[in-house]
Amino acid sequence: MAKDEKRKSNWRDKYRFTVRNDHTLEEVWKIVLTRYNAFLLITFILLFIIWGTSTLISFTNLREFIPGYPDVNMRRNILMSAIRLDSLDRELRLRDKYFDNLNAIISGGQPLKQQEESTPDRTYKAIKFNTSAKDSMLRARVENEERYNLSLGSSTPESTSGLATVHFFPPVKGIVSGRYDVRTKHFGTDIVTNPKAIVSAVLDGTVIFTGWTMETGFVIEIQHQNNIVSVYKHNAGLLKETGDLVRAGDAISIVGDSGELYTSGPHLHFEIWYKGSSLDPEKHILF
């Protein structure tokens, strides 16, 4: 019994830690702790250090120094490998289907494709399409913006080889945050506008590329007459597909900040290329 009381009293005993001036013996700092308080203080400090280290590694680029954690190049390679693997799997399925059809024809049967098309007897009357309030508001806003579009009439081929008579429709209205600079390889103009704003085509043309890249996110490119190509990057989503015909002022994408590089917020990176050379968009379009 005396042992237990002695052990409890030891935990309750107070200890003073002081810091004194060596010359004047003046007490500069002191702290009074029991063993229990000291244990709690040391535990709290250790937990705080562990939490701070974990947070610093999780939300900063320091996590790339962890052995085995993929960096930007490795993540890009993983993504490209996944895309190639998916394409290879699709090609293998098409090849197997081709050989199955070839074997069926040689054996006197019908190709599997014709059999699959002739067997189903589907009805689509039960399908119901629900209208969305957001889609209706977006459609109304786009139609309202295109009411005064001068390019909605019949289009005629450009008769001149220059850009003097070309009228570019502004892709978005906003503030220029990054200007065209060939020295830094910034071949376009960055326009900051409202998030989820509609991006419009600058001229009539044909969509030649729609896709996603790790650096610039969702990208859409349009081929116009007179060897003009317009490029729109960092979109939140694309409204057109490759091969679609567009008119000047048509909605083609939505402003966003997609992509891991070269973006710090919702904006549109817009480029104009003429006969393989980049142009300064601010000299041809008033944003």
Protein backbone atom coordinates (compact mmCIF):
# COMPACT_ATOMS: atom_id res chain seq x y z
CA MET A 1 0.00 0.00 0.00
CA ALA A 2 2.84 2.39 0.82
CA LYS A 3 4.41 1.60 -2.55
CA ASP A 4 1.25 2.66 -4.44
CA GLU A 5 0.97 5.89 -2.47
CA LYS A 6 4.60 6.67 -3.16
CA ARG A 7 4.13 6.03 -6.91
CA LYS A 8 1.11 8.36 -7.04
CA SER A 9 2.88 11.05 -5.10
CA ASN A 10 5.81 10.91 -7.54
CA TRP A 11 3.46 11.64 -10.46
CA ARG A 12 2.01 14.59 -8.54
CA ASP A 13 5.33 16.08 -7.51
CA LYS A 14 6.09 19.41 -9.16
CA TYR A 15 9.40 20.14 -10.83
CA ARG A 16 10.70 23.57 -11.71
CA PHE A 17 12.83 24.20 -14.81
CA THR A 18 14.50 27.58 -14.81
CA VAL A 19 16.85 29.51 -17.07
CA ARG A 20 19.18 31.96 -15.28
CA ASN A 21 21.63 34.57 -16.42
CA ASP A 22 25.08 33.18 -15.75
CA HIS A 23 26.49 36.56 -14.67
CA THR A 24 23.65 38.09 -12.66
CA LEU A 25 21.90 34.83 -11.69
CA GLU A 26 18.66 36.55 -12.70
CA GLU A 27 15.83 34.12 -13.46
CA VAL A 28 15.03 34.64 -17.14
CA TRP A 29 12.45 31.88 -17.72
CA LYS A 30 10.83 29.16 -15.66
CA ILE A 31 8.24 26.44 -15.98
CA VAL A 32 6.65 24.26 -13.34
CA LEU A 33 5.49 20.80 -14.41
CA THR A 34 4.54 17.50 -12.94
CA ARG A 35 5.50 14.23 -14.56
CA TYR A 36 1.96 13.86 -15.85
CA ASN A 37 1.94 17.35 -17.42
CA ALA A 38 5.35 16.78 -18.94
CA PHE A 39 4.19 13.51 -20.50
CA LEU A 40 1.13 15.23 -21.98
CA LEU A 41 3.22 18.12 -23.30
CA ILE A 42 5.77 15.84 -24.98
CA THR A 43 2.95 13.72 -26.49
CA PHE A 44 1.22 16.83 -27.87
CA ILE A 45 4.46 18.13 -29.39
CA LEU A 46 5.17 14.78 -31.07
CA LEU A 47 1.63 14.54 -32.46
CA PHE A 48 1.86 18.12 -33.77
CA ILE A 49 5.17 17.38 -35.50
CA ILE A 50 3.74 14.21 -37.09
CA TRP A 51 0.60 16.05 -38.23
CA GLY A 52 2.57 19.00 -39.61
CA THR A 53 4.97 16.74 -41.50
CA SER A 54 2.15 14.66 -42.98
CA THR A 55 0.25 17.78 -44.06
CA LEU A 56 3.36 19.34 -45.59
CA ILE A 57 4.10 16.22 -47.61
CA SER A 58 0.48 15.62 -48.67
CA PHE A 59 -0.32 19.11 -49.97
CA THR A 60 3.02 20.24 -51.41
CA ASN A 61 5.42 19.03 -54.06
CA LEU A 62 7.55 17.42 -51.36
CA ARG A 63 5.55 14.22 -51.86
CA GLU A 64 7.42 13.73 -55.14
CA PHE A 65 10.59 13.06 -53.11
CA ILE A 66 8.98 10.02 -51.47
CA PRO A 67 10.52 6.88 -53.00
CA GLY A 68 7.98 5.29 -55.34
CA TYR A 69 5.70 8.35 -55.69
CA PRO A 70 5.26 9.23 -59.40
CA ASP A 71 6.32 12.67 -60.57
CA VAL A 72 4.75 14.65 -63.42
CA ASN A 73 6.65 12.80 -66.14
CA MET A 74 5.82 9.41 -64.65
CA ARG A 75 2.12 10.30 -64.37
CA ARG A 76 2.18 11.44 -68.00
CA ASN A 77 3.78 8.16 -69.04
CA ILE A 78 1.21 6.20 -67.03
CA LEU A 79 -1.62 8.08 -68.71
CA MET A 80 -0.18 7.59 -72.19
CA SER A 81 0.40 3.90 -71.45
CA ALA A 82 -3.21 3.52 -70.36
CA ILE A 83 -4.41 5.21 -73.56
CA ARG A 84 -2.18 3.00 -75.72
CA LEU A 85 -3.31 -0.10 -73.83
CA ASP A 86 -6.96 0.82 -74.40
CA SER A 87 -6.30 1.38 -78.12
CA LEU A 88 -4.43 -1.93 -78.33
CA ASP A 89 -7.29 -3.77 -76.63
CA ARG A 90 -9.76 -2.26 -79.09
CA GLU A 91 -7.59 -3.25 -82.06
CA LEU A 92 -7.35 -6.80 -80.72
CA ARG A 93 -11.13 -7.03 -80.42
CA LEU A 94 -11.55 -5.75 -83.97
CA ARG A 95 -8.97 -8.26 -85.22
CA ASP A 96 -10.70 -11.15 -83.44
CA LYS A 97 -14.04 -10.05 -84.86
CA TYR A 98 -12.53 -9.87 -88.36
CA PHE A 99 -11.16 -13.41 -88.14
CA ASP A 100 -14.47 -14.71 -86.74
CA ASN A 101 -16.34 -13.17 -89.66
CA LEU A 102 -13.76 -14.55 -92.10
CA ASN A 103 -14.16 -18.06 -90.66
CA ALA A 104 -17.94 -17.75 -90.83
CA ILE A 105 -17.81 -16.74 -94.51
CA ILE A 106 -15.39 -19.56 -95.39
CA SER A 107 -17.64 -22.12 -93.67
CA GLY A 108 -20.67 -20.89 -95.61
CA GLY A 109 -22.32 -18.96 -92.81
CA GLN A 110 -23.12 -15.30 -92.40
CA PRO A 111 -20.82 -12.74 -90.83
CA LEU A 112 -21.43 -12.17 -87.14
CA LYS A 113 -22.11 -8.49 -87.73
CA GLN A 114 -25.06 -9.24 -90.00
CA GLN A 115 -26.43 -11.78 -87.54
CA GLU A 116 -26.23 -9.28 -84.67
CA GLU A 117 -27.96 -6.60 -86.72
CA SER A 118 -30.79 -8.90 -87.82
CA THR A 119 -31.59 -10.47 -84.43
CA PRO A 120 -32.51 -7.54 -82.18
CA ASP A 121 -35.96 -6.07 -82.43
CA ARG A 122 -35.61 -3.04 -80.23
CA THR A 123 -38.21 -0.41 -79.44
CA TYR A 124 -37.26 3.05 -78.27
CA LYS A 125 -40.69 4.31 -77.30
CA ALA A 126 -40.03 3.75 -73.60
CA ILE A 127 -37.05 6.11 -73.58
CA LYS A 128 -37.82 9.41 -71.87
CA PHE A 129 -35.67 12.50 -72.16
CA ASN A 130 -35.77 14.80 -69.15
CA THR A 131 -35.07 18.49 -69.72
CA SER A 132 -32.61 20.13 -67.36
CA ALA A 133 -33.08 23.66 -66.10
CA LYS A 134 -29.33 24.34 -66.44
CA ASP A 135 -29.32 23.11 -70.06
CA SER A 136 -32.32 25.33 -70.88
CA MET A 137 -30.63 28.38 -69.34
CA LEU A 138 -27.40 27.65 -71.23
CA ARG A 139 -29.28 27.24 -74.52
CA ALA A 140 -31.19 30.50 -73.96
CA ARG A 141 -27.99 32.39 -73.16
CA VAL A 142 -26.20 31.06 -76.25
CA GLU A 143 -29.15 31.89 -78.50
CA ASN A 144 -29.31 35.39 -77.03
CA GLU A 145 -25.59 35.95 -77.68
CA GLU A 146 -25.93 34.75 -81.28
CA ARG A 147 -28.86 37.04 -82.14
CA TYR A 148 -26.50 39.71 -83.46
CA ASN A 149 -23.94 37.38 -85.02
CA LEU A 150 -23.05 38.78 -88.43
CA SER A 151 -21.76 35.42 -89.67
CA LEU A 152 -25.02 33.46 -89.44
CA GLY A 153 -25.89 34.18 -93.04
CA SER A 154 -24.59 32.33 -96.07
CA SER A 155 -20.82 32.12 -96.01
CA THR A 156 -18.73 32.83 -99.10
CA PRO A 157 -15.13 31.76 -99.70
CA GLU A 158 -12.49 34.36 -98.87
CA SER A 159 -11.22 36.01 -102.02
CA THR A 160 -8.09 37.48 -100.49
CA SER A 161 -5.04 35.69 -99.20
CA GLY A 162 -4.39 38.14 -96.34
CA LEU A 163 -6.20 38.86 -93.09
CA ALA A 164 -7.22 42.44 -93.82
CA THR A 165 -10.84 41.52 -94.62
CA VAL A 166 -11.19 38.73 -92.05
CA HIS A 167 -13.56 39.53 -89.17
CA PHE A 168 -12.79 37.49 -86.05
CA PHE A 169 -15.59 36.85 -83.59
CA PRO A 170 -14.31 37.26 -79.97
CA PRO A 171 -14.07 33.82 -78.33
CA VAL A 172 -14.81 35.31 -74.88
CA LYS A 173 -15.10 38.73 -73.28
CA GLY A 174 -12.75 39.34 -70.38
CA ILE A 175 -9.42 40.71 -69.17
CA VAL A 176 -6.12 39.80 -70.80
CA SER A 177 -3.88 38.23 -68.14
CA GLY A 178 -1.14 36.84 -70.37
CA ARG A 179 0.05 38.41 -73.60
CA TYR A 180 1.52 36.88 -76.72
CA ASP A 181 5.30 36.48 -76.34
CA VAL A 182 7.42 34.44 -78.76
CA ARG A 183 10.52 34.72 -76.56
CA THR A 184 8.88 32.75 -73.74
CA LYS A 185 7.13 30.42 -76.23
CA HIS A 186 3.73 31.79 -75.19
CA PHE A 187 2.09 31.68 -78.62
CA GLY A 188 -1.33 32.91 -77.52
CA THR A 189 -3.30 35.21 -75.26
CA ASP A 190 -4.75 34.35 -71.84
CA ILE A 191 -8.19 35.84 -71.18
CA VAL A 192 -9.67 35.76 -67.68
CA THR A 193 -13.47 35.68 -67.68
CA ASN A 194 -16.34 34.28 -65.64
CA PRO A 195 -16.01 30.58 -64.72
CA LYS A 196 -18.16 28.33 -66.92
CA ALA A 197 -18.40 31.08 -69.56
CA ILE A 198 -19.16 30.03 -73.14
CA VAL A 199 -16.25 29.93 -75.61
CA SER A 200 -17.26 30.81 -79.18
CA ALA A 201 -15.65 29.98 -82.52
CA VAL A 202 -13.88 32.97 -84.04
CA LEU A 203 -14.61 32.01 -87.68
CA ASP A 204 -16.50 29.45 -89.72
CA GLY A 205 -14.59 26.21 -89.95
CA THR A 206 -14.19 22.52 -89.16
CA VAL A 207 -13.11 21.04 -85.85
CA ILE A 208 -9.86 19.17 -86.52
CA PHE A 209 -8.92 18.18 -82.97
CA THR A 210 -10.65 17.65 -79.64
CA GLY A 211 -8.84 16.04 -76.75
CA TRP A 212 -7.14 16.36 -73.39
CA THR A 213 -3.49 16.84 -72.54
CA MET A 214 -1.84 16.87 -69.14
CA GLU A 215 -0.32 20.33 -69.68
CA THR A 216 -3.27 22.22 -71.24
CA GLY A 217 -6.33 20.17 -70.27
CA PHE A 218 -9.25 20.06 -72.69
CA VAL A 219 -8.21 21.47 -76.08
CA ILE A 220 -10.17 22.14 -79.26
CA GLU A 221 -8.70 23.24 -82.61
CA ILE A 222 -10.61 24.57 -85.61
CA GLN A 223 -9.43 24.80 -89.23
CA HIS A 224 -10.68 27.91 -91.07
CA GLN A 225 -10.30 29.19 -94.61
CA ASN A 226 -7.10 30.87 -95.81
CA ASN A 227 -4.95 28.41 -93.80
CA ILE A 228 -6.10 29.85 -90.46
CA VAL A 229 -6.24 27.62 -87.38
CA SER A 230 -7.61 28.71 -84.00
CA VAL A 231 -6.73 26.89 -80.78
CA TYR A 232 -8.63 27.00 -77.45
CA LYS A 233 -7.01 25.51 -74.31
CA HIS A 234 -7.72 24.91 -70.57
CA ASN A 235 -11.44 24.32 -71.16
CA ALA A 236 -13.69 22.79 -68.51
CA GLY A 237 -15.55 20.82 -71.19
CA LEU A 238 -15.94 20.56 -74.96
CA LEU A 239 -19.24 21.03 -76.81
CA LYS A 240 -18.05 19.91 -80.25
CA GLU A 241 -16.37 16.81 -81.64
CA THR A 242 -13.74 16.28 -84.31
CA GLY A 243 -15.27 16.72 -87.76
CA ASP A 244 -18.09 19.06 -86.69
CA LEU A 245 -18.75 22.13 -88.82
CA VAL A 246 -19.03 25.36 -86.82
CA ARG A 247 -20.03 28.91 -87.61
CA ALA A 248 -18.46 32.05 -86.20
CA GLY A 249 -19.98 32.66 -82.77
CA ASP A 250 -21.06 29.05 -82.20
CA ALA A 251 -20.51 27.70 -78.68
CA ILE A 252 -17.66 25.19 -78.80
CA SER A 253 -16.49 24.81 -75.18
CA ILE A 254 -16.73 26.07 -71.60
CA VAL A 255 -14.06 28.13 -69.82
CA GLY A 256 -12.16 26.23 -67.12
CA ASP A 257 -8.73 25.64 -65.63
CA SER A 258 -8.04 22.06 -66.73
CA GLY A 259 -4.46 20.86 -67.08
CA GLU A 260 -1.67 20.52 -64.53
CA LEU A 261 0.72 23.04 -66.10
CA TYR A 262 0.46 26.64 -67.35
CA THR A 263 -2.78 27.41 -65.48
CA SER A 264 -3.53 29.21 -62.22
CA GLY A 265 -7.31 29.69 -62.46
CA PRO A 266 -10.28 29.73 -64.85
CA HIS A 267 -9.23 31.36 -68.11
CA LEU A 268 -9.00 30.73 -71.85
CA HIS A 269 -5.68 30.35 -73.65
CA PHE A 270 -6.39 31.36 -77.26
CA GLU A 271 -4.05 31.03 -80.25
CA ILE A 272 -4.25 32.00 -83.93
CA TRP A 273 -2.03 30.28 -86.51
CA TYR A 274 -1.76 31.54 -90.09
CA LYS A 275 0.06 29.42 -92.68
CA GLY A 276 1.97 27.62 -89.91
CA SER A 277 3.02 30.77 -88.04
CA SER A 278 1.55 32.08 -84.79
CA LEU A 279 -0.13 35.50 -84.65
CA ASP A 280 -0.79 37.92 -81.81
CA PRO A 281 -4.55 37.59 -81.15
CA GLU A 282 -4.74 41.11 -79.63
CA LYS A 283 -3.86 42.61 -83.03
CA HIS A 284 -6.94 41.02 -84.63
CA ILE A 285 -9.52 40.67 -81.85
CA LEU A 286 -10.78 43.12 -79.20
CA PHE A 287 -11.25 41.14 -75.98
